[in-house]
Amino acid sequence: METSFDFEKPIAEINNRINDLKESSRVGNIDLLAQIEDLEKTRDELKQKIYGSLTAWQRIQIARHPKRPYSADYVKLIFKDFIELHGDRIFGDDQAILCGIAVFNDNPVVVIGHQKGRTLQENMDRNFGMAHPEGYRKAMRIMNLAGKFNRPIITFIDTSGAYPGIAAEERGQAEAIARNLRDMSNLKVPIISIVIGEGGSGGALGIGVSNKVLCLENAYYSVISPEGCAAILFRDGAKAPEAAQAMKITAKDLLNLKVIDGIIKEPLGGAHYDPVATAANIKAVLNDYLCKYKTMSRKEIVDERYLKFRKMGIYEDVAEEKMSVKKRGKNLQKN
């Protein structure tokens, strides 16, 4: 697998040496197996060390890897009989949002996800995974269909954010996302969202008001990109690595803060090294949750989703604490 990042260069150098030894062994008919095995052992130990201690910024780089599996890739690997559905019935079809019906372990489900492109033309067609209002309205139309026919909804989140262009604003971008937040909260079927790459701002939340929000190990979920945060706070977009660390947006941080409900394991180095294994991990987690929701009533499903978001976040009433300190001080003076 071709590497892309500075922190992977030592691994790439060892891989090149291994390949050279294999070629020399083949051409010269020389037994170099012992040297090759030693290098492979060194490489594997180095991979464990590097990928086991990634910084927040390094994980974000992996989340943005151009060969990382996208929603359509997981749809092919996890579901059967997928039929894509198009259009919002108001304006048009937004290719940045993939929607359809499918079969998961012999059970009918609805699948929705952000979709980026592999080539420049595909990215132009799909707007780099940044949806317009019609994309969110299409998603909500299909989710309402799922509610009508009692089908669980699975969403794959992978966007840097909703498209902020003038045309999107003219067609009601904020209203479309806000309507999704409201209507998803009332759907009487289970919704499971998985952040598979980037989970940026309202663009992610527009299909992410779910009973369970899960995150792949090297994905991130945030109200703003690290570059945007750095530009606002530090007046310097180049300080994105520092911003990423401070923002607590990696899967581990999000789980500790109870923003997400679980982390799905990736192969060493990232999902792009083994998409099939990553898909198998996702499938196992989905199966566990969907089995659980079969035993719950529609009201219980809605209540669980409501309580999940009500419990999110930790706050401290500083004003009340200051008043208590003042009262204690006055009582001491009186005594």
Protein backbone atom coordinates (compact mmCIF):
# COMPACT_ATOMS: atom_id res chain seq x y z
CA MET A 1 0.00 0.00 0.00
CA GLU A 2 1.43 3.37 -1.02
CA THR A 3 2.04 5.66 1.94
CA SER A 4 1.02 9.31 2.10
CA PHE A 5 2.20 10.70 5.41
CA ASP A 6 5.54 11.67 6.96
CA PHE A 7 5.01 9.48 10.02
CA GLU A 8 4.72 6.42 7.76
CA LYS A 9 8.04 6.98 5.96
CA PRO A 10 10.13 4.72 8.26
CA ILE A 11 7.70 1.87 7.52
CA ALA A 12 7.92 2.58 3.79
CA GLU A 13 11.73 2.50 3.91
CA ILE A 14 11.74 -0.96 5.52
CA ASN A 15 9.15 -2.19 3.01
CA ASN A 16 11.40 -1.01 0.18
CA ARG A 17 14.36 -2.88 1.67
CA ILE A 18 12.24 -6.04 2.01
CA ASN A 19 11.14 -5.76 -1.62
CA ASP A 20 14.74 -5.26 -2.75
CA LEU A 21 15.86 -8.36 -0.84
CA LYS A 22 13.02 -10.42 -2.32
CA GLU A 23 13.95 -9.27 -5.81
CA SER A 24 17.65 -10.06 -5.22
CA SER A 25 16.70 -13.48 -3.88
CA ARG A 26 14.57 -14.19 -6.94
CA VAL A 27 17.05 -12.91 -9.56
CA GLY A 28 20.23 -14.25 -7.97
CA ASN A 29 18.69 -17.44 -6.57
CA ILE A 30 20.08 -16.54 -3.11
CA ASP A 31 18.55 -17.60 0.18
CA LEU A 32 17.81 -14.32 1.99
CA LEU A 33 14.83 -15.59 3.97
CA ALA A 34 16.42 -14.97 7.39
CA GLN A 35 17.22 -11.32 6.57
CA ILE A 36 13.74 -10.79 5.14
CA GLU A 37 12.07 -12.25 8.22
CA ASP A 38 14.19 -10.05 10.50
CA LEU A 39 13.18 -6.95 8.56
CA GLU A 40 9.52 -7.99 8.57
CA LYS A 41 9.66 -8.42 12.35
CA THR A 42 11.27 -4.97 12.71
CA ARG A 43 8.63 -3.46 10.43
CA ASP A 44 5.75 -5.02 12.37
CA GLU A 45 7.16 -3.77 15.68
CA LEU A 46 7.60 -0.30 14.20
CA LYS A 47 4.02 -0.31 12.89
CA GLN A 48 2.71 -1.21 16.35
CA LYS A 49 4.74 1.63 17.85
CA ILE A 50 3.76 4.26 15.29
CA TYR A 51 0.08 3.41 14.89
CA GLY A 52 -0.33 2.76 18.60
CA SER A 53 0.63 6.32 19.53
CA LEU A 54 -0.86 8.48 16.79
CA THR A 55 -1.57 12.14 17.54
CA ALA A 56 -4.99 13.66 16.90
CA TRP A 57 -3.70 15.32 13.72
CA GLN A 58 -2.23 12.07 12.41
CA ARG A 59 -5.58 10.32 12.91
CA ILE A 60 -7.30 13.12 11.01
CA GLN A 61 -4.84 12.62 8.15
CA ILE A 62 -5.77 8.92 8.08
CA ALA A 63 -9.48 9.81 8.17
CA ARG A 64 -8.91 11.86 5.01
CA HIS A 65 -6.81 9.25 3.19
CA PRO A 66 -7.86 9.21 -0.50
CA LYS A 67 -7.98 5.39 -0.52
CA ARG A 68 -10.08 5.13 2.63
CA PRO A 69 -13.36 3.20 2.03
CA TYR A 70 -16.41 5.37 1.42
CA SER A 71 -20.10 4.73 2.04
CA ALA A 72 -20.63 2.96 -1.29
CA ASP A 73 -17.73 0.60 -0.50
CA TYR A 74 -19.27 -0.42 2.81
CA VAL A 75 -22.70 -0.82 1.21
CA LYS A 76 -21.23 -3.41 -1.19
CA LEU A 77 -19.37 -5.24 1.58
CA ILE A 78 -22.07 -5.26 4.28
CA PHE A 79 -25.49 -5.30 2.60
CA LYS A 80 -27.29 -7.28 -0.08
CA ASP A 81 -29.73 -6.23 -2.80
CA PHE A 82 -29.05 -2.50 -2.42
CA ILE A 83 -31.35 -0.34 -4.55
CA GLU A 84 -30.45 3.34 -4.72
CA LEU A 85 -33.25 5.90 -4.47
CA HIS A 86 -32.89 9.37 -5.95
CA GLY A 87 -34.25 12.88 -5.59
CA ASP A 88 -35.86 15.04 -2.92
CA ARG A 89 -39.10 15.55 -4.94
CA ILE A 90 -38.58 19.32 -4.64
CA PHE A 91 -35.44 20.39 -6.52
CA GLY A 92 -33.26 17.51 -7.68
CA ASP A 93 -30.90 14.70 -6.81
CA ASP A 94 -27.76 15.38 -4.78
CA GLN A 95 -25.05 12.80 -5.46
CA ALA A 96 -23.19 13.81 -2.29
CA ILE A 97 -25.80 11.78 -0.36
CA LEU A 98 -26.26 8.09 -1.14
CA CYS A 99 -29.69 6.67 -0.20
CA GLY A 100 -31.36 3.34 -0.71
CA ILE A 101 -33.01 0.20 0.59
CA ALA A 102 -31.05 -2.98 1.26
CA VAL A 103 -31.01 -6.27 3.13
CA PHE A 104 -28.89 -6.82 6.23
CA ASN A 105 -28.76 -10.40 7.54
CA ASP A 106 -32.10 -11.17 5.83
CA ASN A 107 -33.73 -8.06 7.33
CA PRO A 108 -34.81 -5.05 5.23
CA VAL A 109 -33.07 -1.78 6.17
CA VAL A 110 -32.57 1.74 4.83
CA VAL A 111 -29.01 2.92 4.19
CA ILE A 112 -27.93 6.56 3.87
CA GLY A 113 -24.44 8.02 3.66
CA HIS A 114 -22.24 10.85 2.48
CA GLN A 115 -20.38 9.86 -0.66
CA LYS A 116 -17.09 11.31 -1.90
CA GLY A 117 -15.49 10.54 -5.25
CA ARG A 118 -12.23 8.81 -6.19
CA THR A 119 -11.42 10.82 -9.31
CA LEU A 120 -11.60 14.56 -9.90
CA GLN A 121 -14.74 14.14 -12.03
CA GLU A 122 -16.43 11.97 -9.40
CA ASN A 123 -15.59 14.52 -6.73
CA MET A 124 -17.03 17.27 -8.89
CA ASP A 125 -20.20 15.25 -9.39
CA ARG A 126 -20.47 14.45 -5.67
CA ASN A 127 -19.23 17.85 -4.52
CA PHE A 128 -16.47 16.20 -2.45
CA GLY A 129 -19.14 14.71 -0.17
CA MET A 130 -20.51 18.12 0.85
CA ALA A 131 -24.28 17.94 0.50
CA HIS A 132 -26.67 20.64 -0.71
CA PRO A 133 -30.13 21.13 0.86
CA GLU A 134 -31.67 18.70 -1.60
CA GLY A 135 -29.30 16.03 -0.31
CA TYR A 136 -30.56 16.41 3.25
CA ARG A 137 -34.17 16.58 2.03
CA LYS A 138 -33.63 13.41 0.01
CA ALA A 139 -32.19 11.71 3.09
CA MET A 140 -35.17 12.78 5.19
CA ARG A 141 -37.61 11.61 2.52
CA ILE A 142 -36.04 8.15 2.58
CA MET A 143 -35.94 8.12 6.40
CA ASN A 144 -39.66 8.93 6.51
CA LEU A 145 -40.16 6.01 4.15
CA ALA A 146 -38.25 3.82 6.61
CA GLY A 147 -40.51 5.03 9.40
CA LYS A 148 -43.61 4.22 7.38
CA PHE A 149 -42.49 0.65 6.66
CA ASN A 150 -40.76 0.07 10.00
CA ARG A 151 -37.24 -0.39 8.63
CA PRO A 152 -34.12 0.37 10.71
CA ILE A 153 -31.95 3.20 9.38
CA ILE A 154 -28.17 2.99 9.07
CA THR A 155 -26.22 6.12 8.17
CA PHE A 156 -22.56 6.50 7.22
CA ILE A 157 -21.13 9.91 8.07
CA ASP A 158 -18.19 11.14 5.99
CA THR A 159 -18.15 14.83 5.15
CA SER A 160 -16.06 17.88 5.94
CA GLY A 161 -19.36 19.74 6.29
CA ALA A 162 -22.51 20.78 4.47
CA TYR A 163 -21.82 22.79 1.32
CA PRO A 164 -21.59 26.51 2.29
CA GLY A 165 -22.02 27.99 -1.21
CA ILE A 166 -24.46 30.72 -2.21
CA ALA A 167 -26.72 28.34 -4.17
CA ALA A 168 -27.04 26.05 -1.14
CA GLU A 169 -27.92 28.99 1.11
CA GLU A 170 -30.48 30.24 -1.43
CA ARG A 171 -32.20 26.86 -1.37
CA GLY A 172 -32.34 26.75 2.44
CA GLN A 173 -29.31 24.82 3.68
CA ALA A 174 -29.78 25.70 7.35
CA GLU A 175 -33.52 24.98 7.22
CA ALA A 176 -32.99 21.60 5.57
CA ILE A 177 -30.51 20.50 8.23
CA ALA A 178 -32.65 21.87 11.07
CA ARG A 179 -35.69 20.02 9.73
CA ASN A 180 -33.68 16.78 9.66
CA LEU A 181 -32.62 17.27 13.28
CA ARG A 182 -36.23 17.74 14.31
CA ASP A 183 -37.76 14.97 12.21
CA MET A 184 -35.05 12.38 12.93
CA SER A 185 -35.58 12.87 16.66
CA ASN A 186 -39.21 11.74 16.25
CA LEU A 187 -38.72 8.72 13.97
CA LYS A 188 -40.09 5.56 15.57
CA VAL A 189 -37.47 3.22 14.08
CA PRO A 190 -33.90 2.67 15.30
CA ILE A 191 -31.20 4.82 13.72
CA ILE A 192 -27.54 3.83 13.90
CA SER A 193 -24.88 6.23 12.60
CA ILE A 194 -21.25 5.37 11.93
CA VAL A 195 -18.61 8.05 11.37
CA ILE A 196 -16.37 6.37 8.79
CA GLY A 197 -14.05 9.28 7.96
CA GLU A 198 -14.73 12.95 8.50
CA GLY A 199 -17.65 14.01 10.66
CA GLY A 200 -17.82 17.74 10.10
CA SER A 201 -20.28 20.16 11.67
CA GLY A 202 -24.00 20.29 10.82
CA GLY A 203 -23.25 18.45 7.60
CA ALA A 204 -22.55 15.36 9.71
CA LEU A 205 -25.32 15.96 12.23
CA GLY A 206 -27.87 16.31 9.41
CA ILE A 207 -27.94 12.50 9.17
CA GLY A 208 -26.61 11.82 12.67
CA VAL A 209 -29.46 12.28 15.18
CA SER A 210 -29.40 8.61 16.06
CA ASN A 211 -29.97 6.10 18.82
CA LYS A 212 -26.33 5.08 18.57
CA VAL A 213 -23.47 7.09 17.10
CA LEU A 214 -20.37 4.98 16.51
CA CYS A 215 -16.98 5.99 15.21
CA LEU A 216 -14.28 4.13 13.35
CA GLU A 217 -11.00 4.15 15.23
CA ASN A 218 -9.33 6.72 12.97
CA ALA A 219 -12.37 8.85 12.14
CA TYR A 220 -13.21 12.18 13.76
CA TYR A 221 -16.41 14.05 14.66
CA SER A 222 -16.38 17.79 15.24
CA VAL A 223 -18.27 21.09 15.02
CA ILE A 224 -15.50 22.53 12.84
CA SER A 225 -12.40 21.35 11.03
CA PRO A 226 -9.05 21.75 12.82
CA GLU A 227 -7.95 24.17 10.07
CA GLY A 228 -11.06 26.29 10.60
CA CYS A 229 -10.61 26.26 14.36
CA ALA A 230 -6.95 27.26 14.04
CA ALA A 231 -7.81 30.10 11.66
CA ILE A 232 -10.37 31.49 14.13
CA LEU A 233 -8.55 30.96 17.45
CA PHE A 234 -4.89 31.28 16.41
CA ARG A 235 -5.33 33.40 13.27
CA ASP A 236 -3.21 30.76 11.56
CA GLY A 237 -4.58 27.73 9.71
CA ALA A 238 -1.13 26.13 9.85
CA LYS A 239 -1.69 25.49 13.56
CA ALA A 240 -4.30 22.84 12.75
CA PRO A 241 -2.30 20.07 14.54
CA GLU A 242 -2.41 22.06 17.81
CA ALA A 243 -6.11 22.80 17.31
CA ALA A 244 -6.86 19.12 16.63
CA GLN A 245 -5.23 18.12 19.91
CA ALA A 246 -7.13 20.76 21.89
CA MET A 247 -10.51 20.06 20.29
CA LYS A 248 -10.76 16.44 21.55
CA ILE A 249 -12.29 15.16 18.32
CA THR A 250 -10.73 11.70 17.96
CA ALA A 251 -12.80 8.59 18.62
CA LYS A 252 -11.18 7.94 22.02
CA ASP A 253 -11.77 11.51 23.19
CA LEU A 254 -15.35 11.47 21.93
CA LEU A 255 -16.11 8.24 23.76
CA ASN A 256 -14.65 9.64 27.00
CA LEU A 257 -16.85 12.72 26.60
CA LYS A 258 -19.87 10.47 25.83
CA VAL A 259 -20.47 12.18 22.49
CA ILE A 260 -20.33 8.78 20.77
CA ASP A 261 -21.47 5.37 21.99
CA GLY A 262 -18.66 3.15 20.77
CA ILE A 263 -15.48 2.77 18.72
CA ILE A 264 -15.20 0.27 15.86
CA LYS A 265 -11.75 -1.23 15.42
CA GLU A 266 -9.75 -0.65 12.24
CA PRO A 267 -6.86 -2.71 10.86
CA LEU A 268 -3.41 -1.47 11.86
CA GLY A 269 -2.68 1.65 9.82
CA GLY A 270 -6.27 2.43 8.89
CA ALA A 271 -9.34 1.07 7.12
CA HIS A 272 -7.74 1.51 3.68
CA TYR A 273 -5.26 -1.28 4.47
CA ASP A 274 -8.07 -3.84 4.77
CA PRO A 275 -11.57 -2.60 3.85
CA VAL A 276 -13.00 -6.13 4.07
CA ALA A 277 -11.89 -6.56 7.69
CA THR A 278 -13.19 -3.09 8.57
CA ALA A 279 -16.55 -3.90 6.99
CA ALA A 280 -16.70 -7.15 8.97
CA ASN A 281 -16.14 -5.21 12.20
CA ILE A 282 -18.91 -2.78 11.29
CA LYS A 283 -21.26 -5.62 10.37
CA ALA A 284 -20.72 -7.38 13.70
CA VAL A 285 -21.51 -4.21 15.67
CA LEU A 286 -24.58 -3.44 13.55
CA ASN A 287 -25.89 -6.95 14.05
CA ASP A 288 -25.60 -6.67 17.84
CA TYR A 289 -27.48 -3.37 17.98
CA LEU A 290 -30.20 -4.31 15.50
CA CYS A 291 -30.90 -7.50 17.45
CA LYS A 292 -31.31 -5.40 20.57
CA TYR A 293 -33.77 -3.00 18.90
CA LYS A 294 -35.97 -5.87 17.77
CA THR A 295 -36.94 -6.34 21.43
CA MET A 296 -37.82 -2.66 21.99
CA SER A 297 -41.11 -0.89 21.35
CA ARG A 298 -41.34 2.16 19.09
CA LYS A 299 -41.81 4.42 22.11
CA GLU A 300 -38.75 2.95 23.83
CA ILE A 301 -36.68 3.59 20.70
CA VAL A 302 -37.74 7.26 20.53
CA ASP A 303 -37.23 7.75 24.28
CA GLU A 304 -33.73 6.25 24.13
CA ARG A 305 -32.73 8.64 21.35
CA TYR A 306 -34.15 11.62 23.25
CA LEU A 307 -32.35 10.75 26.49
CA LYS A 308 -29.07 10.14 24.65
CA PHE A 309 -28.89 13.75 23.48
CA ARG A 310 -30.29 15.20 26.71
CA LYS A 311 -27.48 13.56 28.68
CA MET A 312 -24.76 14.75 26.33
CA GLY A 313 -22.24 17.22 27.70
CA ILE A 314 -20.99 18.18 31.15
CA TYR A 315 -21.49 21.59 32.67
CA GLU A 316 -20.85 23.34 35.96
CA ASP A 317 -22.87 26.20 37.45
CA VAL A 318 -20.09 28.60 38.44
CA ALA A 319 -22.42 31.44 39.45
CA GLU A 320 -24.27 29.23 41.95
CA GLU A 321 -20.97 27.97 43.37
CA LYS A 322 -19.75 31.57 43.88
CA MET A 323 -22.97 32.46 45.72
CA SER A 324 -22.51 29.47 48.02
CA VAL A 325 -18.95 30.58 48.82
CA LYS A 326 -20.16 34.11 49.63
CA LYS A 327 -22.87 32.78 51.93
CA ARG A 328 -20.41 30.55 53.74
CA GLY A 329 -18.07 33.56 54.16
CA LYS A 330 -20.83 35.70 55.67
CA ASN A 331 -21.86 32.95 58.06
CA LEU A 332 -18.23 32.62 59.23
CA GLN A 333 -18.02 36.38 59.84
CA LYS A 334 -21.23 36.29 61.89
CA ASN A 335 -19.92 33.44 64.02
